[in-house]
Amino acid sequence: QDPYAVIGPGRAFDWHWPFFYPLTAAVATMPFAALSALAARCLF
């Protein structure tokens, strides 16, 4: 999926604002994608 299309107010990931990070941020954190939200938070 396109992170910029699914993150933001009223979107699949209902965040307070759109995804403003560069795409490299998502690429760098991909190892955390396999974890649950809580596990990723704790590990990070």
Full PDB file with SEQRES, HELIX, SHEET, SSBOND, CRYST1, ORIGX, SCALE, CONECT and MASTER records, all heavy atoms in Angstrom:
SEQRES   1 A   44  GLN ASP PRO TYR ALA VAL ILE GLY PRO GLY ARG ALA PHE          
SEQRES   2 A   44  ASP TRP HIS TRP PRO PHE PHE TYR PRO LEU THR ALA ALA          
SEQRES   3 A   44  VAL ALA THR MET PRO PHE ALA ALA LEU SER ALA LEU ALA          
SEQRES   4 A   44  ALA ARG CYS LEU PHE                                          
HELIX    1 AA1 PRO A    3  VAL A    6  1                                   4    
HELIX    2 AA2 LEU A   23  ALA A   28  1                                   6    
HELIX    3 AA3 MET A   30  ALA A   34  5                                   5    
HELIX    4 AA4 ALA A   37  LEU A   43  1                                   7    
SHEET    1 AA1 2 ILE A   7  GLY A   8  0                                        
SHEET    2 AA1 2 PHE A  13  ASP A  14  1                                        
CRYST1    1.000    1.000    1.000  90.00  90.00  90.00 P 1           1          
ORIGX1      1.000000  0.000000  0.000000        0.00000                         
ORIGX2      0.000000  1.000000  0.000000        0.00000                         
ORIGX3      0.000000  0.000000  1.000000        0.00000                         
SCALE1      1.000000  0.000000  0.000000        0.00000                         
SCALE2      0.000000  1.000000  0.000000        0.00000                         
SCALE3      0.000000  0.000000  1.000000        0.00000                         
ATOM      1  N   GLN A   1       0.825  -1.196   0.000  1.00  0.00           N  
ATOM      2  CA  GLN A   1       0.000   0.000   0.000  1.00  0.00           C  
ATOM      3  C   GLN A   1       0.869   1.260   0.000  1.00  0.00           C  
ATOM      4  O   GLN A   1       2.064   1.212   0.283  1.00  0.00           O  
ATOM      5  CB  GLN A   1      -0.923   0.012   1.226  1.00  0.00           C  
ATOM      6  CG  GLN A   1      -1.879  -1.159   1.300  1.00  0.00           C  
ATOM      7  CD  GLN A   1      -2.652  -1.197   2.607  1.00  0.00           C  
ATOM      8  OE1 GLN A   1      -2.136  -0.818   3.653  1.00  0.00           O  
ATOM      9  NE2 GLN A   1      -3.895  -1.654   2.553  1.00  0.00           N  
ATOM     10  N   ASP A   2       0.239   2.369  -0.304  1.00  0.00           N  
ATOM     11  CA  ASP A   2       0.903   3.665  -0.266  1.00  0.00           C  
ATOM     12  C   ASP A   2       0.701   4.277   1.125  1.00  0.00           C  
ATOM     13  O   ASP A   2      -0.427   4.616   1.490  1.00  0.00           O  
ATOM     14  CB  ASP A   2       0.311   4.583  -1.337  1.00  0.00           C  
ATOM     15  CG  ASP A   2       0.947   5.966  -1.334  1.00  0.00           C  
ATOM     16  OD1 ASP A   2       1.917   6.193  -0.573  1.00  0.00           O  
ATOM     17  OD2 ASP A   2       0.471   6.832  -2.100  1.00  0.00           O  
ATOM     18  N   PRO A   3       1.771   4.420   1.920  1.00  0.00           N  
ATOM     19  CA  PRO A   3       1.596   4.975   3.271  1.00  0.00           C  
ATOM     20  C   PRO A   3       0.949   6.345   3.272  1.00  0.00           C  
ATOM     21  O   PRO A   3       0.196   6.685   4.190  1.00  0.00           O  
ATOM     22  CB  PRO A   3       3.027   5.033   3.817  1.00  0.00           C  
ATOM     23  CG  PRO A   3       3.794   4.043   3.010  1.00  0.00           C  
ATOM     24  CD  PRO A   3       3.170   4.063   1.652  1.00  0.00           C  
ATOM     25  N   TYR A   4       1.230   7.136   2.246  1.00  0.00           N  
ATOM     26  CA  TYR A   4       0.692   8.492   2.191  1.00  0.00           C  
ATOM     27  C   TYR A   4      -0.816   8.501   1.914  1.00  0.00           C  
ATOM     28  O   TYR A   4      -1.479   9.512   2.140  1.00  0.00           O  
ATOM     29  CB  TYR A   4       1.427   9.304   1.138  1.00  0.00           C  
ATOM     30  CG  TYR A   4       2.902   9.444   1.424  1.00  0.00           C  
ATOM     31  CD1 TYR A   4       3.829   8.619   0.798  1.00  0.00           C  
ATOM     32  CD2 TYR A   4       3.375  10.379   2.343  1.00  0.00           C  
ATOM     33  CE1 TYR A   4       5.194   8.734   1.072  1.00  0.00           C  
ATOM     34  CE2 TYR A   4       4.715  10.499   2.626  1.00  0.00           C  
ATOM     35  CZ  TYR A   4       5.624   9.672   1.982  1.00  0.00           C  
ATOM     36  OH  TYR A   4       6.958   9.780   2.268  1.00  0.00           O  
ATOM     37  N   ALA A   5      -1.337   7.374   1.418  1.00  0.00           N  
ATOM     38  CA  ALA A   5      -2.762   7.304   1.096  1.00  0.00           C  
ATOM     39  C   ALA A   5      -3.587   6.681   2.213  1.00  0.00           C  
ATOM     40  O   ALA A   5      -4.809   6.870   2.265  1.00  0.00           O  
ATOM     41  CB  ALA A   5      -2.969   6.501  -0.190  1.00  0.00           C  
ATOM     42  N   VAL A   6      -2.938   5.955   3.123  1.00  0.00           N  
ATOM     43  CA  VAL A   6      -3.698   5.216   4.139  1.00  0.00           C  
ATOM     44  C   VAL A   6      -3.538   5.805   5.541  1.00  0.00           C  
ATOM     45  O   VAL A   6      -4.184   5.329   6.484  1.00  0.00           O  
ATOM     46  CB  VAL A   6      -3.294   3.728   4.152  1.00  0.00           C  
ATOM     47  CG1 VAL A   6      -3.613   3.085   2.809  1.00  0.00           C  
ATOM     48  CG2 VAL A   6      -1.820   3.557   4.497  1.00  0.00           C  
ATOM     49  N   ILE A   7      -2.687   6.815   5.706  1.00  0.00           N  
ATOM     50  CA  ILE A   7      -2.460   7.407   7.018  1.00  0.00           C  
ATOM     51  C   ILE A   7      -2.970   8.838   7.042  1.00  0.00           C  
ATOM     52  O   ILE A   7      -2.639   9.644   6.157  1.00  0.00           O  
ATOM     53  CB  ILE A   7      -0.964   7.386   7.386  1.00  0.00           C  
ATOM     54  CG1 ILE A   7      -0.459   5.946   7.470  1.00  0.00           C  
ATOM     55  CG2 ILE A   7      -0.714   8.111   8.700  1.00  0.00           C  
ATOM     56  CD1 ILE A   7       1.034   5.838   7.708  1.00  0.00           C  
ATOM     57  N   GLY A   8      -3.766   9.156   8.022  1.00  0.00           N  
ATOM     58  CA  GLY A   8      -4.278  10.513   8.150  1.00  0.00           C  
ATOM     59  C   GLY A   8      -5.688  10.524   8.699  1.00  0.00           C  
ATOM     60  O   GLY A   8      -6.293   9.471   8.940  1.00  0.00           O  
ATOM     61  N   PRO A   9      -6.251  11.692   8.913  1.00  0.00           N  
ATOM     62  CA  PRO A   9      -7.604  11.790   9.468  1.00  0.00           C  
ATOM     63  C   PRO A   9      -8.638  11.084   8.591  1.00  0.00           C  
ATOM     64  O   PRO A   9      -8.719  11.330   7.381  1.00  0.00           O  
ATOM     65  CB  PRO A   9      -7.860  13.309   9.506  1.00  0.00           C  
ATOM     66  CG  PRO A   9      -6.495  13.926   9.514  1.00  0.00           C  
ATOM     67  CD  PRO A   9      -5.638  13.006   8.689  1.00  0.00           C  
ATOM     68  N   GLY A  10      -9.415  10.165   9.184  1.00  0.00           N  
ATOM     69  CA  GLY A  10     -10.471   9.477   8.462  1.00  0.00           C  
ATOM     70  C   GLY A  10     -10.008   8.380   7.536  1.00  0.00           C  
ATOM     71  O   GLY A  10     -10.826   7.797   6.821  1.00  0.00           O  
ATOM     72  N   ARG A  11      -8.711   8.055   7.569  1.00  0.00           N  
ATOM     73  CA  ARG A  11      -8.189   7.014   6.683  1.00  0.00           C  
ATOM     74  C   ARG A  11      -8.015   5.697   7.441  1.00  0.00           C  
ATOM     75  O   ARG A  11      -8.420   5.583   8.590  1.00  0.00           O  
ATOM     76  CB  ARG A  11      -6.871   7.475   6.066  1.00  0.00           C  
ATOM     77  CG  ARG A  11      -7.015   8.758   5.242  1.00  0.00           C  
ATOM     78  CD  ARG A  11      -5.695   9.224   4.675  1.00  0.00           C  
ATOM     79  NE  ARG A  11      -5.856  10.496   3.976  1.00  0.00           N  
ATOM     80  CZ  ARG A  11      -4.858  11.181   3.416  1.00  0.00           C  
ATOM     81  NH1 ARG A  11      -3.613  10.707   3.472  1.00  0.00           N  
ATOM     82  NH2 ARG A  11      -5.095  12.321   2.806  1.00  0.00           N  
ATOM     83  N   ALA A  12      -7.452   4.701   6.769  1.00  0.00           N  
ATOM     84  CA  ALA A  12      -7.305   3.386   7.390  1.00  0.00           C  
ATOM     85  C   ALA A  12      -6.574   3.486   8.720  1.00  0.00           C  
ATOM     86  O   ALA A  12      -6.947   2.830   9.704  1.00  0.00           O  
ATOM     87  CB  ALA A  12      -6.566   2.447   6.433  1.00  0.00           C  
ATOM     88  N   PHE A  13      -5.532   4.291   8.758  1.00  0.00           N  
ATOM     89  CA  PHE A  13      -4.841   4.578  10.015  1.00  0.00           C  
ATOM     90  C   PHE A  13      -5.235   5.990  10.402  1.00  0.00           C  
ATOM     91  O   PHE A  13      -4.680   6.969   9.907  1.00  0.00           O  
ATOM     92  CB  PHE A  13      -3.322   4.453   9.822  1.00  0.00           C  
ATOM     93  CG  PHE A  13      -2.543   4.590  11.112  1.00  0.00           C  
ATOM     94  CD1 PHE A  13      -2.446   3.532  11.995  1.00  0.00           C  
ATOM     95  CD2 PHE A  13      -1.908   5.779  11.434  1.00  0.00           C  
ATOM     96  CE1 PHE A  13      -1.734   3.646  13.172  1.00  0.00           C  
ATOM     97  CE2 PHE A  13      -1.178   5.905  12.610  1.00  0.00           C  
ATOM     98  CZ  PHE A  13      -1.100   4.833  13.481  1.00  0.00           C  
ATOM     99  N   ASP A  14      -6.220   6.084  11.288  1.00  0.00           N  
ATOM    100  CA  ASP A  14      -6.832   7.377  11.608  1.00  0.00           C  
ATOM    101  C   ASP A  14      -5.926   8.171  12.541  1.00  0.00           C  
ATOM    102  O   ASP A  14      -6.095   8.160  13.758  1.00  0.00           O  
ATOM    103  CB  ASP A  14      -8.201   7.136  12.253  1.00  0.00           C  
ATOM    104  CG  ASP A  14      -9.000   8.422  12.386  1.00  0.00           C  
ATOM    105  OD1 ASP A  14      -8.612   9.446  11.777  1.00  0.00           O  
ATOM    106  OD2 ASP A  14     -10.003   8.417  13.117  1.00  0.00           O  
ATOM    107  N   TRP A  15      -4.984   8.870  11.946  1.00  0.00           N  
ATOM    108  CA  TRP A  15      -4.040   9.690  12.705  1.00  0.00           C  
ATOM    109  C   TRP A  15      -4.473  11.141  12.651  1.00  0.00           C  
ATOM    110  O   TRP A  15      -5.304  11.530  11.814  1.00  0.00           O  
ATOM    111  CB  TRP A  15      -2.637   9.507  12.137  1.00  0.00           C  
ATOM    112  CG  TRP A  15      -1.532   9.980  13.030  1.00  0.00           C  
ATOM    113  CD1 TRP A  15      -0.769  11.090  12.862  1.00  0.00           C  
ATOM    114  CD2 TRP A  15      -1.046   9.352  14.214  1.00  0.00           C  
ATOM    115  NE1 TRP A  15       0.160  11.196  13.875  1.00  0.00           N  
ATOM    116  CE2 TRP A  15       0.012  10.142  14.721  1.00  0.00           C  
ATOM    117  CE3 TRP A  15      -1.406   8.204  14.914  1.00  0.00           C  
ATOM    118  CZ2 TRP A  15       0.707   9.819  15.887  1.00  0.00           C  
ATOM    119  CZ3 TRP A  15      -0.710   7.882  16.065  1.00  0.00           C  
ATOM    120  CH2 TRP A  15       0.327   8.684  16.534  1.00  0.00           C  
ATOM    121  N   HIS A  16      -3.880  11.949  13.513  1.00  0.00           N  
ATOM    122  CA  HIS A  16      -4.301  13.352  13.610  1.00  0.00           C  
ATOM    123  C   HIS A  16      -3.894  14.172  12.388  1.00  0.00           C  
ATOM    124  O   HIS A  16      -4.470  15.223  12.131  1.00  0.00           O  
ATOM    125  CB  HIS A  16      -3.707  13.993  14.868  1.00  0.00           C  
ATOM    126  CG  HIS A  16      -3.915  13.148  16.089  1.00  0.00           C  
ATOM    127  ND1 HIS A  16      -5.156  12.880  16.605  1.00  0.00           N  
ATOM    128  CD2 HIS A  16      -3.022  12.481  16.885  1.00  0.00           C  
ATOM    129  CE1 HIS A  16      -5.044  12.101  17.680  1.00  0.00           C  
ATOM    130  NE2 HIS A  16      -3.758  11.852  17.869  1.00  0.00           N  
ATOM    131  N   TRP A  17      -2.914  13.732  11.657  1.00  0.00           N  
ATOM    132  CA  TRP A  17      -2.444  14.451  10.476  1.00  0.00           C  
ATOM    133  C   TRP A  17      -1.886  13.442   9.475  1.00  0.00           C  
ATOM    134  O   TRP A  17      -1.611  12.286   9.825  1.00  0.00           O  
ATOM    135  CB  TRP A  17      -1.371  15.482  10.860  1.00  0.00           C  
ATOM    136  CG  TRP A  17      -0.309  14.938  11.769  1.00  0.00           C  
ATOM    137  CD1 TRP A  17       0.774  14.188  11.424  1.00  0.00           C  
ATOM    138  CD2 TRP A  17      -0.267  15.090  13.190  1.00  0.00           C  
ATOM    139  NE1 TRP A  17       1.496  13.861  12.531  1.00  0.00           N  
ATOM    140  CE2 TRP A  17       0.889  14.412  13.637  1.00  0.00           C  
ATOM    141  CE3 TRP A  17      -1.064  15.755  14.134  1.00  0.00           C  
ATOM    142  CZ2 TRP A  17       1.248  14.357  14.983  1.00  0.00           C  
ATOM    143  CZ3 TRP A  17      -0.706  15.698  15.467  1.00  0.00           C  
ATOM    144  CH2 TRP A  17       0.433  15.004  15.881  1.00  0.00           C  
ATOM    145  N   PRO A  18      -1.706  13.833   8.216  1.00  0.00           N  
ATOM    146  CA  PRO A  18      -1.174  12.899   7.206  1.00  0.00           C  
ATOM    147  C   PRO A  18       0.257  12.470   7.526  1.00  0.00           C  
ATOM    148  O   PRO A  18       0.913  13.006   8.422  1.00  0.00           O  
ATOM    149  CB  PRO A  18      -1.246  13.706   5.904  1.00  0.00           C  
ATOM    150  CG  PRO A  18      -2.239  14.777   6.170  1.00  0.00           C  
ATOM    151  CD  PRO A  18      -2.112  15.119   7.631  1.00  0.00           C  
ATOM    152  N   PHE A  19       0.733  11.514   6.762  1.00  0.00           N  
ATOM    153  CA  PHE A  19       2.090  11.001   6.933  1.00  0.00           C  
ATOM    154  C   PHE A  19       3.054  11.947   6.225  1.00  0.00           C  
ATOM    155  O   PHE A  19       3.090  12.012   5.004  1.00  0.00           O  
ATOM    156  CB  PHE A  19       2.177   9.590   6.340  1.00  0.00           C  
ATOM    157  CG  PHE A  19       3.502   8.920   6.563  1.00  0.00           C  
ATOM    158  CD1 PHE A  19       3.954   8.647   7.839  1.00  0.00           C  
ATOM    159  CD2 PHE A  19       4.295   8.557   5.486  1.00  0.00           C  
ATOM    160  CE1 PHE A  19       5.175   8.014   8.048  1.00  0.00           C  
ATOM    161  CE2 PHE A  19       5.506   7.923   5.685  1.00  0.00           C  
ATOM    162  CZ  PHE A  19       5.953   7.654   6.971  1.00  0.00           C  
ATOM    163  N   PHE A  20       3.845  12.687   7.005  1.00  0.00           N  
ATOM    164  CA  PHE A  20       4.756  13.675   6.448  1.00  0.00           C  
ATOM    165  C   PHE A  20       6.204  13.184   6.373  1.00  0.00           C  
ATOM    166  O   PHE A  20       7.060  13.868   5.818  1.00  0.00           O  
ATOM    167  CB  PHE A  20       4.718  14.970   7.276  1.00  0.00           C  
ATOM    168  CG  PHE A  20       3.417  15.721   7.166  1.00  0.00           C  
ATOM    169  CD1 PHE A  20       2.668  16.024   8.302  1.00  0.00           C  
ATOM    170  CD2 PHE A  20       2.933  16.121   5.932  1.00  0.00           C  
ATOM    171  CE1 PHE A  20       1.471  16.716   8.213  1.00  0.00           C  
ATOM    172  CE2 PHE A  20       1.737  16.817   5.829  1.00  0.00           C  
ATOM    173  CZ  PHE A  20       1.002  17.113   6.962  1.00  0.00           C  
ATOM    174  N   TYR A  21       6.492  12.037   6.955  1.00  0.00           N  
ATOM    175  CA  TYR A  21       7.864  11.534   6.937  1.00  0.00           C  
ATOM    176  C   TYR A  21       8.282  11.149   5.515  1.00  0.00           C  
ATOM    177  O   TYR A  21       7.437  10.789   4.683  1.00  0.00           O  
ATOM    178  CB  TYR A  21       7.989  10.279   7.813  1.00  0.00           C  
ATOM    179  CG  TYR A  21       7.950  10.507   9.295  1.00  0.00           C  
ATOM    180  CD1 TYR A  21       6.740  10.614   9.982  1.00  0.00           C  
ATOM    181  CD2 TYR A  21       9.124  10.589  10.032  1.00  0.00           C  
ATOM    182  CE1 TYR A  21       6.698  10.805  11.345  1.00  0.00           C  
ATOM    183  CE2 TYR A  21       9.092  10.778  11.408  1.00  0.00           C  
ATOM    184  CZ  TYR A  21       7.878  10.887  12.054  1.00  0.00           C  
ATOM    185  OH  TYR A  21       7.844  11.075  13.409  1.00  0.00           O  
ATOM    186  N   PRO A  22       9.589  11.203   5.203  1.00  0.00           N  
ATOM    187  CA  PRO A  22      10.038  10.665   3.914  1.00  0.00           C  
ATOM    188  C   PRO A  22       9.838   9.157   3.879  1.00  0.00           C  
ATOM    189  O   PRO A  22       9.773   8.502   4.927  1.00  0.00           O  
ATOM    190  CB  PRO A  22      11.526  11.039   3.884  1.00  0.00           C  
ATOM    191  CG  PRO A  22      11.909  11.176   5.316  1.00  0.00           C  
ATOM    192  CD  PRO A  22      10.698  11.730   6.007  1.00  0.00           C  
ATOM    193  N   LEU A  23       9.746   8.589   2.689  1.00  0.00           N  
ATOM    194  CA  LEU A  23       9.502   7.156   2.558  1.00  0.00           C  
ATOM    195  C   LEU A  23      10.619   6.330   3.182  1.00  0.00           C  
ATOM    196  O   LEU A  23      10.395   5.184   3.606  1.00  0.00           O  
ATOM    197  CB  LEU A  23       9.339   6.789   1.081  1.00  0.00           C  
ATOM    198  CG  LEU A  23       8.725   5.410   0.799  1.00  0.00           C  
ATOM    199  CD1 LEU A  23       7.324   5.320   1.389  1.00  0.00           C  
ATOM    200  CD2 LEU A  23       8.694   5.151  -0.710  1.00  0.00           C  
ATOM    201  N   THR A  24      11.821   6.902   3.269  1.00  0.00           N  
ATOM    202  CA  THR A  24      12.929   6.182   3.891  1.00  0.00           C  
ATOM    203  C   THR A  24      12.637   5.853   5.360  1.00  0.00           C  
ATOM    204  O   THR A  24      13.179   4.885   5.898  1.00  0.00           O  
ATOM    205  CB  THR A  24      14.219   7.009   3.807  1.00  0.00           C  
ATOM    206  OG1 THR A  24      13.944   8.363   4.234  1.00  0.00           O  
ATOM    207  CG2 THR A  24      14.755   7.045   2.390  1.00  0.00           C  
ATOM    208  N   ALA A  25      11.792   6.645   6.019  1.00  0.00           N  
ATOM    209  CA  ALA A  25      11.432   6.359   7.407  1.00  0.00           C  
ATOM    210  C   ALA A  25      10.670   5.046   7.489  1.00  0.00           C  
ATOM    211  O   ALA A  25      10.909   4.220   8.389  1.00  0.00           O  
ATOM    212  CB  ALA A  25      10.599   7.497   7.983  1.00  0.00           C  
ATOM    213  N   ALA A  26       9.740   4.836   6.560  1.00  0.00           N  
ATOM    214  CA  ALA A  26       8.979   3.583   6.554  1.00  0.00           C  
ATOM    215  C   ALA A  26       9.876   2.402   6.214  1.00  0.00           C  
ATOM    216  O   ALA A  26       9.745   1.321   6.789  1.00  0.00           O  
ATOM    217  CB  ALA A  26       7.824   3.689   5.556  1.00  0.00           C  
ATOM    218  N   VAL A  27      10.797   2.606   5.273  1.00  0.00           N  
ATOM    219  CA  VAL A  27      11.702   1.520   4.883  1.00  0.00           C  
ATOM    220  C   VAL A  27      12.595   1.127   6.070  1.00  0.00           C  
ATOM    221  O   VAL A  27      12.810  -0.056   6.350  1.00  0.00           O  
ATOM    222  CB  VAL A  27      12.561   1.940   3.681  1.00  0.00           C  
ATOM    223  CG1 VAL A  27      13.624   0.889   3.377  1.00  0.00           C  
ATOM    224  CG2 VAL A  27      11.675   2.172   2.460  1.00  0.00           C  
ATOM    225  N   ALA A  28      13.110   2.117   6.789  1.00  0.00           N  
ATOM    226  CA  ALA A  28      14.016   1.850   7.903  1.00  0.00           C  
ATOM    227  C   ALA A  28      13.326   1.131   9.052  1.00  0.00           C  
ATOM    228  O   ALA A  28      13.979   0.393   9.809  1.00  0.00           O  
ATOM    229  CB  ALA A  28      14.627   3.155   8.400  1.00  0.00           C  
ATOM    230  N   THR A  29      12.033   1.330   9.222  1.00  0.00           N  
ATOM    231  CA  THR A  29      11.315   0.712  10.336  1.00  0.00           C  
ATOM    232  C   THR A  29      10.544  -0.538   9.916  1.00  0.00           C  
ATOM    233  O   THR A  29       9.744  -1.062  10.706  1.00  0.00           O  
ATOM    234  CB  THR A  29      10.332   1.723  10.962  1.00  0.00           C  
ATOM    235  OG1 THR A  29       9.486   2.266   9.928  1.00  0.00           O  
ATOM    236  CG2 THR A  29      11.065   2.854  11.636  1.00  0.00           C  
ATOM    237  N   MET A  30      10.806  -1.064   8.748  1.00  0.00           N  
ATOM    238  CA  MET A  30      10.082  -2.255   8.287  1.00  0.00           C  
ATOM    239  C   MET A  30      10.285  -3.478   9.189  1.00  0.00           C  
ATOM    240  O   MET A  30       9.376  -4.299   9.304  1.00  0.00           O  
ATOM    241  CB  MET A  30      10.465  -2.569   6.842  1.00  0.00           C  
ATOM    242  CG  MET A  30       9.863  -1.606   5.840  1.00  0.00           C  
ATOM    243  SD  MET A  30      10.143  -2.049   4.110  1.00  0.00           S  
ATOM    244  CE  MET A  30       8.941  -3.349   3.880  1.00  0.00           C  
ATOM    245  N   PRO A  31      11.449  -3.646   9.854  1.00  0.00           N  
ATOM    246  CA  PRO A  31      11.542  -4.787  10.783  1.00  0.00           C  
ATOM    247  C   PRO A  31      10.490  -4.763  11.888  1.00  0.00           C  
ATOM    248  O   PRO A  31      10.110  -5.820  12.413  1.00  0.00           O  
ATOM    249  CB  PRO A  31      12.954  -4.631  11.361  1.00  0.00           C  
ATOM    250  CG  PRO A  31      13.726  -3.929  10.298  1.00  0.00           C  
ATOM    251  CD  PRO A  31      12.745  -2.976   9.685  1.00  0.00           C  
ATOM    252  N   PHE A  32       9.983  -3.575  12.232  1.00  0.00           N  
ATOM    253  CA  PHE A  32       8.962  -3.479  13.270  1.00  0.00           C  
ATOM    254  C   PHE A  32       7.576  -3.825  12.747  1.00  0.00           C  
ATOM    255  O   PHE A  32       6.652  -4.008  13.540  1.00  0.00           O  
ATOM    256  CB  PHE A  32       8.931  -2.061  13.845  1.00  0.00           C  
ATOM    257  CG  PHE A  32      10.157  -1.680  14.625  1.00  0.00           C  
ATOM    258  CD1 PHE A  32      11.220  -1.047  14.005  1.00  0.00           C  
ATOM    259  CD2 PHE A  32      10.252  -1.954  15.978  1.00  0.00           C  
ATOM    260  CE1 PHE A  32      12.359  -0.694  14.718  1.00  0.00           C  
ATOM    261  CE2 PHE A  32      11.387  -1.601  16.704  1.00  0.00           C  
ATOM    262  CZ  PHE A  32      12.437  -0.976  16.068  1.00  0.00           C  
ATOM    263  N   ALA A  33       7.422  -3.896  11.416  1.00  0.00           N  
ATOM    264  CA  ALA A  33       6.101  -4.134  10.841  1.00  0.00           C  
ATOM    265  C   ALA A  33       5.568  -5.515  11.194  1.00  0.00           C  
ATOM    266  O   ALA A  33       4.350  -5.728  11.229  1.00  0.00           O  
ATOM    267  CB  ALA A  33       6.151  -3.958   9.322  1.00  0.00           C  
ATOM    268  N   ALA A  34       6.473  -6.456  11.450  1.00  0.00           N  
ATOM    269  CA  ALA A  34       6.039  -7.817  11.771  1.00  0.00           C  
ATOM    270  C   ALA A  34       5.541  -7.937  13.204  1.00  0.00           C  
ATOM    271  O   ALA A  34       4.975  -8.975  13.576  1.00  0.00           O  
ATOM    272  CB  ALA A  34       7.181  -8.794  11.529  1.00  0.00           C  
ATOM    273  N   LEU A  35       5.736  -6.904  14.011  1.00  0.00           N  
ATOM    274  CA  LEU A  35       5.348  -6.935  15.416  1.00  0.00           C  
ATOM    275  C   LEU A  35       4.007  -6.261  15.626  1.00  0.00           C  
ATOM    276  O   LEU A  35       3.558  -5.461  14.800  1.00  0.00           O  
ATOM    277  CB  LEU A  35       6.410  -6.225  16.270  1.00  0.00           C  
ATOM    278  CG  LEU A  35       7.842  -6.751  16.155  1.00  0.00           C  
ATOM    279  CD1 LEU A  35       8.780  -5.846  16.949  1.00  0.00           C  
ATOM    280  CD2 LEU A  35       7.942  -8.185  16.638  1.00  0.00           C  
ATOM    281  N   SER A  36       3.361  -6.587  16.718  1.00  0.00           N  
ATOM    282  CA  SER A  36       2.138  -5.878  17.086  1.00  0.00           C  
ATOM    283  C   SER A  36       2.483  -4.442  17.454  1.00  0.00           C  
ATOM    284  O   SER A  36       3.645  -4.099  17.672  1.00  0.00           O  
ATOM    285  CB  SER A  36       1.460  -6.575  18.268  1.00  0.00           C  
ATOM    286  OG  SER A  36       2.269  -6.459  19.432  1.00  0.00           O  
ATOM    287  N   ALA A  37       1.449  -3.611  17.550  1.00  0.00           N  
ATOM    288  CA  ALA A  37       1.683  -2.209  17.895  1.00  0.00           C  
ATOM    289  C   ALA A  37       2.369  -2.095  19.251  1.00  0.00           C  
ATOM    290  O   ALA A  37       3.325  -1.331  19.422  1.00  0.00           O  
ATOM    291  CB  ALA A  37       0.355  -1.445  17.896  1.00  0.00           C  
ATOM    292  N   LEU A  38       1.911  -2.878  20.225  1.00  0.00           N  
ATOM    293  CA  LEU A  38       2.490  -2.803  21.560  1.00  0.00           C  
ATOM    294  C   LEU A  38       3.918  -3.315  21.584  1.00  0.00           C  
ATOM    295  O   LEU A  38       4.810  -2.693  22.189  1.00  0.00           O  
ATOM    296  CB  LEU A  38       1.639  -3.591  22.547  1.00  0.00           C  
ATOM    297  CG  LEU A  38       2.150  -3.609  23.992  1.00  0.00           C  
ATOM    298  CD1 LEU A  38       2.176  -2.205  24.567  1.00  0.00           C  
ATOM    299  CD2 LEU A  38       1.308  -4.527  24.859  1.00  0.00           C  
ATOM    300  N   ALA A  39       4.171  -4.440  20.930  1.00  0.00           N  
ATOM    301  CA  ALA A  39       5.529  -4.998  20.904  1.00  0.00           C  
ATOM    302  C   ALA A  39       6.497  -4.041  20.216  1.00  0.00           C  
ATOM    303  O   ALA A  39       7.639  -3.867  20.651  1.00  0.00           O  
ATOM    304  CB  ALA A  39       5.527  -6.348  20.196  1.00  0.00           C  
ATOM    305  N   ALA A  40       6.052  -3.403  19.136  1.00  0.00           N  
ATOM    306  CA  ALA A  40       6.907  -2.449  18.426  1.00  0.00           C  
ATOM    307  C   ALA A  40       7.222  -1.249  19.305  1.00  0.00           C  
ATOM    308  O   ALA A  40       8.357  -0.766  19.341  1.00  0.00           O  
ATOM    309  CB  ALA A  40       6.222  -2.004  17.134  1.00  0.00           C  
ATOM    310  N   ARG A  41       6.213  -0.756  20.018  1.00  0.00           N  
ATOM    311  CA  ARG A  41       6.438   0.370  20.927  1.00  0.00           C  
ATOM    312  C   ARG A  41       7.481   0.013  21.989  1.00  0.00           C  
ATOM    313  O   ARG A  41       8.433   0.761  22.228  1.00  0.00           O  
ATOM    314  CB  ARG A  41       5.137   0.750  21.619  1.00  0.00           C  
ATOM    315  CG  ARG A  41       4.070   1.356  20.739  1.00  0.00           C  
ATOM    316  CD  ARG A  41       2.762   1.401  21.490  1.00  0.00           C  
ATOM    317  NE  ARG A  41       1.671   1.944  20.680  1.00  0.00           N  
ATOM    318  CZ  ARG A  41       0.394   1.879  21.048  1.00  0.00           C  
ATOM    319  NH1 ARG A  41       0.072   1.309  22.185  1.00  0.00           N  
ATOM    320  NH2 ARG A  41      -0.542   2.395  20.275  1.00  0.00           N  
ATOM    321  N   CYS A  42       7.288  -1.128  22.630  1.00  0.00           N  
ATOM    322  CA  CYS A  42       8.191  -1.534  23.715  1.00  0.00           C  
ATOM    323  C   CYS A  42       9.607  -1.736  23.209  1.00  0.00           C  
ATOM    324  O   CYS A  42      10.578  -1.310  23.856  1.00  0.00           O  
ATOM    325  CB  CYS A  42       7.677  -2.805  24.372  1.00  0.00           C  
ATOM    326  SG  CYS A  42       6.123  -2.607  25.275  1.00  0.00           S  
ATOM    327  N   LEU A  43       9.757  -2.401  22.060  1.00  0.00           N  
ATOM    328  CA  LEU A  43      11.092  -2.655  21.522  1.00  0.00           C  
ATOM    329  C   LEU A  43      11.781  -1.361  21.116  1.00  0.00           C  
ATOM    330  O   LEU A  43      12.966  -1.158  21.408  1.00  0.00           O  
ATOM    331  CB  LEU A  43      10.997  -3.595  20.322  1.00  0.00           C  
ATOM    332  CG  LEU A  43      12.323  -3.973  19.655  1.00  0.00           C  
ATOM    333  CD1 LEU A  43      13.252  -4.655  20.644  1.00  0.00           C  
ATOM    334  CD2 LEU A  43      12.078  -4.876  18.445  1.00  0.00           C  
ATOM    335  N   PHE A  44      11.048  -0.468  20.475  1.00  0.00           N  
ATOM    336  CA  PHE A  44      11.640   0.791  20.036  1.00  0.00           C  
ATOM    337  C   PHE A  44      12.061   1.646  21.229  1.00  0.00           C  
ATOM    338  O   PHE A  44      13.191   2.153  21.277  1.00  0.00           O  
ATOM    339  CB  PHE A  44      10.640   1.559  19.164  1.00  0.00           C  
ATOM    340  CG  PHE A  44      11.112   2.926  18.759  1.00  0.00           C  
ATOM    341  CD1 PHE A  44      12.103   3.077  17.802  1.00  0.00           C  
ATOM    342  CD2 PHE A  44      10.565   4.063  19.334  1.00  0.00           C  
ATOM    343  CE1 PHE A  44      12.542   4.333  17.423  1.00  0.00           C  
ATOM    344  CE2 PHE A  44      11.005   5.326  18.965  1.00  0.00           C  
ATOM    345  CZ  PHE A  44      12.001   5.457  18.005  1.00  0.00           C  
TER     346      PHE A  44                                                      
MASTER        0    0    0    4    2    0    0    6  345    1    0    4          
END                                                                             
